[in-house]
Amino acid sequence: MSDVLEVQGLSVSYGSHRVLDEVSLRAAPGEIVGVIGETGSGKTTLARAIVGLAPTVSGQIQVDDVEVTGLSGRARRAHRRSGAVHYVFQDPLRSLDPDLTVGEIVREPLAIAARLPRQEQQDRVLGALHRVGLPADLVDRVPAEISGGQRQRVSIARAVVGDPRLLICDEPVSALDASNRNHVLRLIDELRRDLSMAILLISHDLSSLAGIADRVVVLYRGRVVEDGPIAQVFNEPRHPYTALLIASAPSVRREHRLLPAQLRTLTPVRVSGGCVFADRCRFADADCDVQPALEPVAPGRSVSCHHHSTWRESLTAEHLSGRAS
């Protein structure tokens, strides 16, 4: 089965500032791909580029084998109206029109597509609300009259009412309390299984991804530094930056794992045009003056690091040396 989403060599710039640099990733039907990285790593820009809201410099974005980066004018509008891709924004209160009722908000994608009669649209709206666990009597309320968790479910109902192939969720639970966060994450997991959608889930919360994502893509300063099955990446990160992210997240770190202090650099190494993480990497050396390519290191896993197979050993050697002295 072919991938729903395939991004190859995507670069995005705002003026002279390169925000994404040669980013590649894929997502298959029924698969949740998590995207993680610090603030400013390019996560939201990646999502916006996929839906045509960010200026691409180079690269390709394919959705269901349709190259959307090459679309313009009428073809681009037709693709957007097709409903193949939908976006769930971070803040449901700001992303929902405060003057529209829940029913009007959820119906909006169907009205734009203009393919279904009014009654069938209404049936779809009620079906979408039921799918996300909301009662039908919410249809006449406005966003200010419902809770934050309900607003996010409305956002998801609006996104899935047209049966999209790809759902992009940008920090969908960051504005919710713990109870609603768990409900929404379970809902996203159910939707990918029931509707066989590909889901790109952007999150700074590694524990949220750990429970539902199949694979994870790690971004740093606009570049992919690691990509692979989430269990493998979280259990044994190959890139020092990935290891630092995991070490800094107690919810996913285990007792025998590395601590942040073991991974932070003691003497920054300044490089020009080389590895984007070198100035923060404890293991950087002269080899890192050259940007490492994103290369396969195991089936389904890729890493962009010159020392992906040796940095753990050097850390162990430092530890043993310290004990001996």
C-alpha atoms as a PDB file:
ATOM      1  CA  MET A   1       0.000   0.000   0.000  1.00  0.00           C
ATOM      2  CA  SER A   2       1.464   3.366  -1.041  1.00  0.00           C
ATOM      3  CA  ASP A   3       2.067   6.189   1.422  1.00  0.00           C
ATOM      4  CA  VAL A   4      -0.607   8.844   1.841  1.00  0.00           C
ATOM      5  CA  LEU A   5       2.019  11.531   2.467  1.00  0.00           C
ATOM      6  CA  GLU A   6       5.494  11.688   1.004  1.00  0.00           C
ATOM      7  CA  VAL A   7       7.731  14.712   1.553  1.00  0.00           C
ATOM      8  CA  GLN A   8      11.061  14.765  -0.267  1.00  0.00           C
ATOM      9  CA  GLY A   9      13.822  17.344   0.180  1.00  0.00           C
ATOM     10  CA  LEU A  10      11.463  20.096   1.350  1.00  0.00           C
ATOM     11  CA  SER A  11      13.001  23.504   2.022  1.00  0.00           C
ATOM     12  CA  VAL A  12      11.117  26.587   3.226  1.00  0.00           C
ATOM     13  CA  SER A  13      12.479  30.097   3.597  1.00  0.00           C
ATOM     14  CA  TYR A  14      11.126  33.398   4.847  1.00  0.00           C
ATOM     15  CA  GLY A  15      13.294  36.011   3.190  1.00  0.00           C
ATOM     16  CA  SER A  16      16.892  34.969   3.732  1.00  0.00           C
ATOM     17  CA  HIS A  17      16.036  32.788   6.733  1.00  0.00           C
ATOM     18  CA  ARG A  18      15.906  29.055   5.958  1.00  0.00           C
ATOM     19  CA  VAL A  19      13.304  27.479   8.264  1.00  0.00           C
ATOM     20  CA  LEU A  20      13.219  23.970   6.769  1.00  0.00           C
ATOM     21  CA  ASP A  21      16.217  22.442   5.041  1.00  0.00           C
ATOM     22  CA  GLU A  22      15.886  19.289   2.909  1.00  0.00           C
ATOM     23  CA  VAL A  23      13.201  17.688   5.077  1.00  0.00           C
ATOM     24  CA  SER A  24      11.901  14.260   4.051  1.00  0.00           C
ATOM     25  CA  LEU A  25       9.253  12.086   5.700  1.00  0.00           C
ATOM     26  CA  ARG A  26       6.354   9.792   4.884  1.00  0.00           C
ATOM     27  CA  ALA A  27       3.095   8.585   6.419  1.00  0.00           C
ATOM     28  CA  ALA A  28       1.134   5.478   5.438  1.00  0.00           C
ATOM     29  CA  PRO A  29      -2.620   4.846   5.747  1.00  0.00           C
ATOM     30  CA  GLY A  30      -3.572   4.211   9.374  1.00  0.00           C
ATOM     31  CA  GLU A  31      -0.173   5.385  10.610  1.00  0.00           C
ATOM     32  CA  ILE A  32       0.536   8.101  13.167  1.00  0.00           C
ATOM     33  CA  VAL A  33       3.849   9.859  12.605  1.00  0.00           C
ATOM     34  CA  GLY A  34       4.984  12.090  15.438  1.00  0.00           C
ATOM     35  CA  VAL A  35       7.104  15.184  14.801  1.00  0.00           C
ATOM     36  CA  ILE A  36       9.143  16.444  17.751  1.00  0.00           C
ATOM     37  CA  GLY A  37      11.713  19.136  18.382  1.00  0.00           C
ATOM     38  CA  GLU A  38      12.251  22.290  20.376  1.00  0.00           C
ATOM     39  CA  THR A  39      10.422  25.549  19.727  1.00  0.00           C
ATOM     40  CA  GLY A  40      11.826  26.968  16.498  1.00  0.00           C
ATOM     41  CA  SER A  41      12.776  23.597  15.043  1.00  0.00           C
ATOM     42  CA  GLY A  42      10.319  23.995  12.150  1.00  0.00           C
ATOM     43  CA  LYS A  43       7.491  21.670  13.217  1.00  0.00           C
ATOM     44  CA  THR A  44       4.608  24.044  12.532  1.00  0.00           C
ATOM     45  CA  THR A  45       6.262  25.369   9.367  1.00  0.00           C
ATOM     46  CA  LEU A  46       6.393  21.792   8.088  1.00  0.00           C
ATOM     47  CA  ALA A  47       2.675  21.352   8.758  1.00  0.00           C
ATOM     48  CA  ARG A  48       1.839  24.670   7.108  1.00  0.00           C
ATOM     49  CA  ALA A  49       3.945  23.815   4.064  1.00  0.00           C
ATOM     50  CA  ILE A  50       2.076  20.540   3.568  1.00  0.00           C
ATOM     51  CA  VAL A  51      -1.254  22.389   3.419  1.00  0.00           C
ATOM     52  CA  GLY A  52       0.146  25.138   1.198  1.00  0.00           C
ATOM     53  CA  LEU A  53       0.440  27.902   3.803  1.00  0.00           C
ATOM     54  CA  ALA A  54       4.246  28.277   3.776  1.00  0.00           C
ATOM     55  CA  PRO A  55       6.518  29.285   0.861  1.00  0.00           C
ATOM     56  CA  THR A  56       8.451  26.252  -0.376  1.00  0.00           C
ATOM     57  CA  VAL A  57      11.853  26.874  -1.959  1.00  0.00           C
ATOM     58  CA  SER A  58      12.455  23.343  -3.204  1.00  0.00           C
ATOM     59  CA  GLY A  59      11.348  19.765  -2.723  1.00  0.00           C
ATOM     60  CA  GLN A  60       8.163  17.799  -3.291  1.00  0.00           C
ATOM     61  CA  ILE A  61       5.024  17.117  -1.283  1.00  0.00           C
ATOM     62  CA  GLN A  62       2.781  14.293  -2.483  1.00  0.00           C
ATOM     63  CA  VAL A  63      -0.616  13.430  -1.040  1.00  0.00           C
ATOM     64  CA  ASP A  64      -2.133  10.234  -2.450  1.00  0.00           C
ATOM     65  CA  ASP A  65       0.397  10.379  -5.323  1.00  0.00           C
ATOM     66  CA  VAL A  66      -0.659  13.921  -6.246  1.00  0.00           C
ATOM     67  CA  GLU A  67       2.237  16.383  -6.178  1.00  0.00           C
ATOM     68  CA  VAL A  68       0.663  19.334  -4.407  1.00  0.00           C
ATOM     69  CA  THR A  69       3.774  21.543  -4.552  1.00  0.00           C
ATOM     70  CA  GLY A  70       3.276  21.820  -8.311  1.00  0.00           C
ATOM     71  CA  LEU A  71      -0.356  22.904  -8.099  1.00  0.00           C
ATOM     72  CA  SER A  72      -1.427  26.480  -8.649  1.00  0.00           C
ATOM     73  CA  GLY A  73      -4.537  28.497  -9.330  1.00  0.00           C
ATOM     74  CA  ARG A  74      -7.633  26.437 -10.036  1.00  0.00           C
ATOM     75  CA  ALA A  75      -5.860  23.101  -9.487  1.00  0.00           C
ATOM     76  CA  ARG A  76      -4.684  24.169  -6.018  1.00  0.00           C
ATOM     77  CA  ARG A  77      -8.156  25.376  -5.058  1.00  0.00           C
ATOM     78  CA  ALA A  78      -9.675  22.112  -6.276  1.00  0.00           C
ATOM     79  CA  HIS A  79      -7.205  20.101  -4.203  1.00  0.00           C
ATOM     80  CA  ARG A  80      -7.959  22.111  -1.080  1.00  0.00           C
ATOM     81  CA  ARG A  81     -11.697  21.759  -1.600  1.00  0.00           C
ATOM     82  CA  SER A  82     -11.351  18.020  -2.107  1.00  0.00           C
ATOM     83  CA  GLY A  83     -10.823  17.624   1.638  1.00  0.00           C
ATOM     84  CA  ALA A  84      -7.928  15.195   1.216  1.00  0.00           C
ATOM     85  CA  VAL A  85      -5.940  17.062   3.878  1.00  0.00           C
ATOM     86  CA  HIS A  86      -7.280  18.672   7.043  1.00  0.00           C
ATOM     87  CA  TYR A  87      -5.548  20.599   9.785  1.00  0.00           C
ATOM     88  CA  VAL A  88      -6.370  20.539  13.514  1.00  0.00           C
ATOM     89  CA  PHE A  89      -4.928  23.659  15.106  1.00  0.00           C
ATOM     90  CA  GLN A  90      -3.358  24.008  18.540  1.00  0.00           C
ATOM     91  CA  ASP A  91      -5.846  26.433  20.088  1.00  0.00           C
ATOM     92  CA  PRO A  92      -9.465  25.409  19.411  1.00  0.00           C
ATOM     93  CA  LEU A  93     -10.912  28.664  20.749  1.00  0.00           C
ATOM     94  CA  ARG A  94      -8.890  30.798  18.319  1.00  0.00           C
ATOM     95  CA  SER A  95      -9.336  28.453  15.356  1.00  0.00           C
ATOM     96  CA  LEU A  96     -13.133  28.242  15.579  1.00  0.00           C
ATOM     97  CA  ASP A  97     -15.284  31.109  14.309  1.00  0.00           C
ATOM     98  CA  PRO A  98     -16.940  32.516  17.465  1.00  0.00           C
ATOM     99  CA  ASP A  99     -20.036  33.612  15.519  1.00  0.00           C
ATOM    100  CA  LEU A 100     -20.812  30.202  13.990  1.00  0.00           C
ATOM    101  CA  THR A 101     -22.642  27.384  15.720  1.00  0.00           C
ATOM    102  CA  VAL A 102     -21.024  23.999  16.191  1.00  0.00           C
ATOM    103  CA  GLY A 103     -23.189  22.612  13.397  1.00  0.00           C
ATOM    104  CA  GLU A 104     -22.121  25.366  10.995  1.00  0.00           C
ATOM    105  CA  ILE A 105     -18.445  24.931  11.910  1.00  0.00           C
ATOM    106  CA  VAL A 106     -18.459  21.183  11.293  1.00  0.00           C
ATOM    107  CA  ARG A 107     -20.504  21.552   8.086  1.00  0.00           C
ATOM    108  CA  GLU A 108     -18.138  24.169   6.617  1.00  0.00           C
ATOM    109  CA  PRO A 109     -15.804  21.762   4.751  1.00  0.00           C
ATOM    110  CA  LEU A 110     -18.809  20.044   3.155  1.00  0.00           C
ATOM    111  CA  ALA A 111     -20.323  23.372   2.135  1.00  0.00           C
ATOM    112  CA  ILE A 112     -17.043  24.460   0.544  1.00  0.00           C
ATOM    113  CA  ALA A 113     -16.741  21.190  -1.369  1.00  0.00           C
ATOM    114  CA  ALA A 114     -20.393  21.606  -2.503  1.00  0.00           C
ATOM    115  CA  ARG A 115     -20.740  17.956  -3.449  1.00  0.00           C
ATOM    116  CA  LEU A 116     -23.551  16.830  -1.154  1.00  0.00           C
ATOM    117  CA  PRO A 117     -27.186  17.900  -0.756  1.00  0.00           C
ATOM    118  CA  ARG A 118     -28.078  19.821   2.402  1.00  0.00           C
ATOM    119  CA  GLN A 119     -29.716  16.907   4.218  1.00  0.00           C
ATOM    120  CA  GLU A 120     -26.768  14.607   3.609  1.00  0.00           C
ATOM    121  CA  GLN A 121     -24.463  17.336   4.894  1.00  0.00           C
ATOM    122  CA  GLN A 122     -26.534  17.507   8.067  1.00  0.00           C
ATOM    123  CA  ASP A 123     -26.358  13.726   8.470  1.00  0.00           C
ATOM    124  CA  ARG A 124     -22.583  13.876   8.033  1.00  0.00           C
ATOM    125  CA  VAL A 125     -22.313  16.604  10.678  1.00  0.00           C
ATOM    126  CA  LEU A 126     -24.242  14.568  13.231  1.00  0.00           C
ATOM    127  CA  GLY A 127     -22.223  11.489  12.343  1.00  0.00           C
ATOM    128  CA  ALA A 128     -18.940  13.372  12.820  1.00  0.00           C
ATOM    129  CA  LEU A 129     -20.042  14.713  16.199  1.00  0.00           C
ATOM    130  CA  HIS A 130     -21.030  11.213  17.285  1.00  0.00           C
ATOM    131  CA  ARG A 131     -17.680   9.850  16.098  1.00  0.00           C
ATOM    132  CA  VAL A 132     -15.778  12.272  18.306  1.00  0.00           C
ATOM    133  CA  GLY A 133     -18.042  11.630  21.294  1.00  0.00           C
ATOM    134  CA  LEU A 134     -20.153  14.795  21.274  1.00  0.00           C
ATOM    135  CA  PRO A 135     -23.946  14.903  21.686  1.00  0.00           C
ATOM    136  CA  ALA A 136     -26.134  16.118  18.832  1.00  0.00           C
ATOM    137  CA  ASP A 137     -27.633  18.887  20.958  1.00  0.00           C
ATOM    138  CA  LEU A 138     -24.376  20.862  20.690  1.00  0.00           C
ATOM    139  CA  VAL A 139     -25.103  21.787  17.057  1.00  0.00           C
ATOM    140  CA  ASP A 140     -26.827  25.052  17.991  1.00  0.00           C
ATOM    141  CA  ARG A 141     -24.232  26.246  20.488  1.00  0.00           C
ATOM    142  CA  VAL A 142     -21.317  28.584  19.744  1.00  0.00           C
ATOM    143  CA  PRO A 143     -17.722  27.848  20.830  1.00  0.00           C
ATOM    144  CA  ALA A 144     -17.908  30.105  23.888  1.00  0.00           C
ATOM    145  CA  GLU A 145     -20.750  27.971  25.252  1.00  0.00           C
ATOM    146  CA  ILE A 146     -18.802  24.701  25.363  1.00  0.00           C
ATOM    147  CA  SER A 147     -15.707  23.507  27.244  1.00  0.00           C
ATOM    148  CA  GLY A 148     -12.133  23.485  25.964  1.00  0.00           C
ATOM    149  CA  GLY A 149     -12.150  19.720  25.513  1.00  0.00           C
ATOM    150  CA  GLN A 150     -15.423  19.903  23.587  1.00  0.00           C
ATOM    151  CA  ARG A 151     -14.036  22.677  21.377  1.00  0.00           C
ATOM    152  CA  GLN A 152     -11.061  20.512  20.414  1.00  0.00           C
ATOM    153  CA  ARG A 153     -13.423  17.645  19.600  1.00  0.00           C
ATOM    154  CA  VAL A 154     -15.414  20.033  17.413  1.00  0.00           C
ATOM    155  CA  SER A 155     -12.165  20.924  15.621  1.00  0.00           C
ATOM    156  CA  ILE A 156     -11.509  17.243  15.018  1.00  0.00           C
ATOM    157  CA  ALA A 157     -15.101  16.638  13.887  1.00  0.00           C
ATOM    158  CA  ARG A 158     -14.730  19.445  11.361  1.00  0.00           C
ATOM    159  CA  ALA A 159     -11.487  17.890  10.144  1.00  0.00           C
ATOM    160  CA  VAL A 160     -12.864  14.359   9.658  1.00  0.00           C
ATOM    161  CA  VAL A 161     -16.392  15.141   8.391  1.00  0.00           C
ATOM    162  CA  GLY A 162     -15.192  15.001   4.786  1.00  0.00           C
ATOM    163  CA  ASP A 163     -13.254  11.713   5.171  1.00  0.00           C
ATOM    164  CA  PRO A 164      -9.731  13.131   4.671  1.00  0.00           C
ATOM    165  CA  ARG A 165      -6.784  10.956   3.725  1.00  0.00           C
ATOM    166  CA  LEU A 166      -4.336  12.979   5.827  1.00  0.00           C
ATOM    167  CA  LEU A 167      -4.954  14.647   9.183  1.00  0.00           C
ATOM    168  CA  ILE A 168      -2.383  17.120  10.510  1.00  0.00           C
ATOM    169  CA  CYS A 169      -2.638  17.783  14.246  1.00  0.00           C
ATOM    170  CA  ASP A 170      -0.504  20.673  15.489  1.00  0.00           C
ATOM    171  CA  GLU A 171      -0.109  20.387  19.277  1.00  0.00           C
ATOM    172  CA  PRO A 172      -3.742  19.249  19.578  1.00  0.00           C
ATOM    173  CA  VAL A 173      -3.648  18.657  23.341  1.00  0.00           C
ATOM    174  CA  SER A 174      -1.291  21.358  24.619  1.00  0.00           C
ATOM    175  CA  ALA A 175      -4.168  23.647  25.650  1.00  0.00           C
ATOM    176  CA  LEU A 176      -6.088  20.903  27.473  1.00  0.00           C
ATOM    177  CA  ASP A 177      -6.017  19.563  31.020  1.00  0.00           C
ATOM    178  CA  ALA A 178      -4.773  16.022  31.683  1.00  0.00           C
ATOM    179  CA  SER A 179      -8.204  14.378  31.491  1.00  0.00           C
ATOM    180  CA  ASN A 180      -9.192  16.010  28.201  1.00  0.00           C
ATOM    181  CA  ARG A 181      -5.693  15.426  26.841  1.00  0.00           C
ATOM    182  CA  ASN A 182      -6.053  11.681  27.305  1.00  0.00           C
ATOM    183  CA  HIS A 183      -9.535  11.670  25.776  1.00  0.00           C
ATOM    184  CA  VAL A 184      -8.374  13.517  22.659  1.00  0.00           C
ATOM    185  CA  LEU A 185      -5.305  11.300  22.237  1.00  0.00           C
ATOM    186  CA  ARG A 186      -7.463   8.176  22.447  1.00  0.00           C
ATOM    187  CA  LEU A 187      -9.826   9.720  19.917  1.00  0.00           C
ATOM    188  CA  ILE A 188      -6.979  10.379  17.468  1.00  0.00           C
ATOM    189  CA  ASP A 189      -5.812   6.789  17.884  1.00  0.00           C
ATOM    190  CA  GLU A 190      -9.331   5.484  17.195  1.00  0.00           C
ATOM    191  CA  LEU A 191      -9.768   7.682  14.121  1.00  0.00           C
ATOM    192  CA  ARG A 192      -6.647   6.437  12.402  1.00  0.00           C
ATOM    193  CA  ARG A 193      -7.765   2.859  12.939  1.00  0.00           C
ATOM    194  CA  ASP A 194     -11.424   3.351  12.010  1.00  0.00           C
ATOM    195  CA  LEU A 195     -10.868   5.650   9.017  1.00  0.00           C
ATOM    196  CA  SER A 196      -7.411   4.427   7.922  1.00  0.00           C
ATOM    197  CA  MET A 197      -6.128   7.982   7.775  1.00  0.00           C
ATOM    198  CA  ALA A 198      -2.503   8.978   7.891  1.00  0.00           C
ATOM    199  CA  ILE A 199      -1.936  11.339  10.811  1.00  0.00           C
ATOM    200  CA  LEU A 200       0.946  13.758  11.299  1.00  0.00           C
ATOM    201  CA  LEU A 201       1.008  14.594  15.009  1.00  0.00           C
ATOM    202  CA  ILE A 202       3.171  17.526  16.065  1.00  0.00           C
ATOM    203  CA  SER A 203       3.908  17.664  19.762  1.00  0.00           C
ATOM    204  CA  HIS A 204       6.459  18.829  22.303  1.00  0.00           C
ATOM    205  CA  ASP A 205       5.023  16.303  24.768  1.00  0.00           C
ATOM    206  CA  LEU A 206       6.944  13.090  24.207  1.00  0.00           C
ATOM    207  CA  SER A 207       4.746  11.102  26.580  1.00  0.00           C
ATOM    208  CA  SER A 208       1.666  11.940  24.473  1.00  0.00           C
ATOM    209  CA  LEU A 209       3.347  10.545  21.378  1.00  0.00           C
ATOM    210  CA  ALA A 210       4.770   7.497  23.114  1.00  0.00           C
ATOM    211  CA  GLY A 211       1.326   5.997  23.645  1.00  0.00           C
ATOM    212  CA  ILE A 212      -0.097   6.320  20.122  1.00  0.00           C
ATOM    213  CA  ALA A 213       2.525   7.146  17.467  1.00  0.00           C
ATOM    214  CA  ASP A 214       4.021   4.466  15.220  1.00  0.00           C
ATOM    215  CA  ARG A 215       7.051   6.434  14.059  1.00  0.00           C
ATOM    216  CA  VAL A 216       8.737   9.669  15.062  1.00  0.00           C
ATOM    217  CA  VAL A 217      10.627  12.332  13.108  1.00  0.00           C
ATOM    218  CA  VAL A 218      13.020  14.522  15.085  1.00  0.00           C
ATOM    219  CA  LEU A 219      13.624  18.070  13.814  1.00  0.00           C
ATOM    220  CA  TYR A 220      16.416  20.385  14.863  1.00  0.00           C
ATOM    221  CA  ARG A 221      16.866  23.829  13.296  1.00  0.00           C
ATOM    222  CA  GLY A 222      14.825  22.807  10.296  1.00  0.00           C
ATOM    223  CA  ARG A 223      16.592  19.533   9.563  1.00  0.00           C
ATOM    224  CA  VAL A 224      15.603  15.932  10.237  1.00  0.00           C
ATOM    225  CA  VAL A 225      18.215  14.461  12.563  1.00  0.00           C
ATOM    226  CA  GLU A 226      16.492  11.132  13.262  1.00  0.00           C
ATOM    227  CA  ASP A 227      13.551   9.141  11.910  1.00  0.00           C
ATOM    228  CA  GLY A 228      12.311   5.712  12.904  1.00  0.00           C
ATOM    229  CA  PRO A 229       9.846   3.519  14.833  1.00  0.00           C
ATOM    230  CA  ILE A 230       9.005   5.402  17.999  1.00  0.00           C
ATOM    231  CA  ALA A 231       9.719   2.523  20.391  1.00  0.00           C
ATOM    232  CA  GLN A 232      13.195   2.058  18.940  1.00  0.00           C
ATOM    233  CA  VAL A 233      13.988   5.769  18.852  1.00  0.00           C
ATOM    234  CA  PHE A 234      12.787   6.378  22.404  1.00  0.00           C
ATOM    235  CA  ASN A 235      14.484   3.259  23.772  1.00  0.00           C
ATOM    236  CA  GLU A 236      17.817   3.770  22.016  1.00  0.00           C
ATOM    237  CA  PRO A 237      18.189   7.160  20.307  1.00  0.00           C
ATOM    238  CA  ARG A 238      20.996   7.270  17.775  1.00  0.00           C
ATOM    239  CA  HIS A 239      21.368  11.056  17.580  1.00  0.00           C
ATOM    240  CA  PRO A 240      22.697  12.984  20.597  1.00  0.00           C
ATOM    241  CA  TYR A 241      19.944  15.596  20.220  1.00  0.00           C
ATOM    242  CA  THR A 242      17.236  12.929  20.319  1.00  0.00           C
ATOM    243  CA  ALA A 243      18.910  11.480  23.401  1.00  0.00           C
ATOM    244  CA  LEU A 244      18.916  14.934  25.030  1.00  0.00           C
ATOM    245  CA  LEU A 245      15.194  15.413  24.316  1.00  0.00           C
ATOM    246  CA  ILE A 246      14.373  12.039  25.851  1.00  0.00           C
ATOM    247  CA  ALA A 247      16.699  12.555  28.818  1.00  0.00           C
ATOM    248  CA  SER A 248      14.907  15.845  29.503  1.00  0.00           C
ATOM    249  CA  ALA A 249      11.481  14.168  29.576  1.00  0.00           C
ATOM    250  CA  PRO A 250      11.094  12.210  32.835  1.00  0.00           C
ATOM    251  CA  SER A 251       7.770  10.792  31.622  1.00  0.00           C
ATOM    252  CA  VAL A 252       9.542   8.709  28.959  1.00  0.00           C
ATOM    253  CA  ARG A 253      13.031   8.415  30.464  1.00  0.00           C
ATOM    254  CA  ARG A 254      13.850   5.233  32.341  1.00  0.00           C
ATOM    255  CA  GLU A 255      16.082   5.015  35.413  1.00  0.00           C
ATOM    256  CA  HIS A 256      18.958   3.446  33.529  1.00  0.00           C
ATOM    257  CA  ARG A 257      18.874   6.040  30.752  1.00  0.00           C
ATOM    258  CA  LEU A 258      21.179   8.977  30.262  1.00  0.00           C
ATOM    259  CA  LEU A 259      20.690  12.239  32.116  1.00  0.00           C
ATOM    260  CA  PRO A 260      20.711  15.684  30.443  1.00  0.00           C
ATOM    261  CA  ALA A 261      23.953  16.658  32.187  1.00  0.00           C
ATOM    262  CA  GLN A 262      25.724  13.726  30.528  1.00  0.00           C
ATOM    263  CA  LEU A 263      24.759  14.967  27.061  1.00  0.00           C
ATOM    264  CA  ARG A 264      25.266  18.701  27.283  1.00  0.00           C
ATOM    265  CA  THR A 265      28.480  20.053  25.828  1.00  0.00           C
ATOM    266  CA  LEU A 266      31.277  21.135  28.123  1.00  0.00           C
ATOM    267  CA  THR A 267      33.162  23.155  25.495  1.00  0.00           C
ATOM    268  CA  PRO A 268      31.026  24.394  22.549  1.00  0.00           C
ATOM    269  CA  VAL A 269      32.413  23.583  19.114  1.00  0.00           C
ATOM    270  CA  ARG A 270      31.757  26.291  16.552  1.00  0.00           C
ATOM    271  CA  VAL A 271      31.313  25.089  13.000  1.00  0.00           C
ATOM    272  CA  SER A 272      30.313  26.903   9.835  1.00  0.00           C
ATOM    273  CA  GLY A 273      28.100  25.090   7.379  1.00  0.00           C
ATOM    274  CA  GLY A 274      28.483  21.774   9.179  1.00  0.00           C
ATOM    275  CA  CYS A 275      26.255  19.796  11.521  1.00  0.00           C
ATOM    276  CA  VAL A 276      23.428  21.991  12.828  1.00  0.00           C
ATOM    277  CA  PHE A 277      23.743  20.487  16.317  1.00  0.00           C
ATOM    278  CA  ALA A 278      27.534  20.703  16.616  1.00  0.00           C
ATOM    279  CA  ASP A 279      27.623  23.807  18.813  1.00  0.00           C
ATOM    280  CA  ARG A 280      25.504  22.019  21.442  1.00  0.00           C
ATOM    281  CA  CYS A 281      26.938  18.531  21.017  1.00  0.00           C
ATOM    282  CA  ARG A 282      29.312  17.014  23.539  1.00  0.00           C
ATOM    283  CA  PHE A 283      30.676  14.666  20.892  1.00  0.00           C
ATOM    284  CA  ALA A 284      31.357  17.142  18.071  1.00  0.00           C
ATOM    285  CA  ASP A 285      34.794  17.188  16.468  1.00  0.00           C
ATOM    286  CA  ALA A 286      36.432  18.196  13.191  1.00  0.00           C
ATOM    287  CA  ASP A 287      34.317  15.703  11.239  1.00  0.00           C
ATOM    288  CA  CYS A 288      31.258  17.763  12.140  1.00  0.00           C
ATOM    289  CA  ASP A 289      32.439  20.651   9.962  1.00  0.00           C
ATOM    290  CA  VAL A 290      30.624  18.747   7.213  1.00  0.00           C
ATOM    291  CA  GLN A 291      26.847  18.429   7.444  1.00  0.00           C
ATOM    292  CA  PRO A 292      26.058  14.705   7.856  1.00  0.00           C
ATOM    293  CA  ALA A 293      23.525  13.203   5.479  1.00  0.00           C
ATOM    294  CA  LEU A 294      20.374  11.516   6.751  1.00  0.00           C
ATOM    295  CA  GLU A 295      21.378   7.889   6.220  1.00  0.00           C
ATOM    296  CA  PRO A 296      19.784   4.515   7.006  1.00  0.00           C
ATOM    297  CA  VAL A 297      21.294   2.852  10.074  1.00  0.00           C
ATOM    298  CA  ALA A 298      18.782   0.001  10.438  1.00  0.00           C
ATOM    299  CA  PRO A 299      15.587  -1.134   8.713  1.00  0.00           C
ATOM    300  CA  GLY A 300      13.169   1.795   8.895  1.00  0.00           C
ATOM    301  CA  ARG A 301      15.618   4.032  10.791  1.00  0.00           C
ATOM    302  CA  SER A 302      17.676   6.988   9.589  1.00  0.00           C
ATOM    303  CA  VAL A 303      20.060   9.300  11.435  1.00  0.00           C
ATOM    304  CA  SER A 304      22.014  12.413  10.509  1.00  0.00           C
ATOM    305  CA  CYS A 305      25.130  12.138  12.678  1.00  0.00           C
ATOM    306  CA  HIS A 306      28.769  11.318  11.940  1.00  0.00           C
ATOM    307  CA  HIS A 307      29.096   9.617  15.319  1.00  0.00           C
ATOM    308  CA  HIS A 308      25.764   7.822  15.641  1.00  0.00           C
ATOM    309  CA  SER A 309      27.490   4.494  16.278  1.00  0.00           C
ATOM    310  CA  THR A 310      30.267   5.721  18.596  1.00  0.00           C
ATOM    311  CA  TRP A 311      29.046   8.572  20.836  1.00  0.00           C
ATOM    312  CA  ARG A 312      27.590   6.217  23.456  1.00  0.00           C
ATOM    313  CA  GLU A 313      30.875   4.327  23.672  1.00  0.00           C
ATOM    314  CA  SER A 314      32.823   7.560  24.138  1.00  0.00           C
ATOM    315  CA  LEU A 315      30.446   8.581  26.925  1.00  0.00           C
ATOM    316  CA  THR A 316      30.981   5.217  28.637  1.00  0.00           C
ATOM    317  CA  ALA A 317      34.742   5.612  28.263  1.00  0.00           C
ATOM    318  CA  GLU A 318      34.599   9.077  29.859  1.00  0.00           C
ATOM    319  CA  HIS A 319      32.582   7.668  32.745  1.00  0.00           C
ATOM    320  CA  LEU A 320      35.008   4.809  33.342  1.00  0.00           C
ATOM    321  CA  SER A 321      37.961   7.152  33.089  1.00  0.00           C
ATOM    322  CA  GLY A 322      36.397   9.445  35.675  1.00  0.00           C
ATOM    323  CA  ARG A 323      35.809   6.549  38.060  1.00  0.00           C
ATOM    324  CA  ALA A 324      39.379   5.311  37.633  1.00  0.00           C
ATOM    325  CA  SER A 325      40.815   8.723  38.429  1.00  0.00           C
END
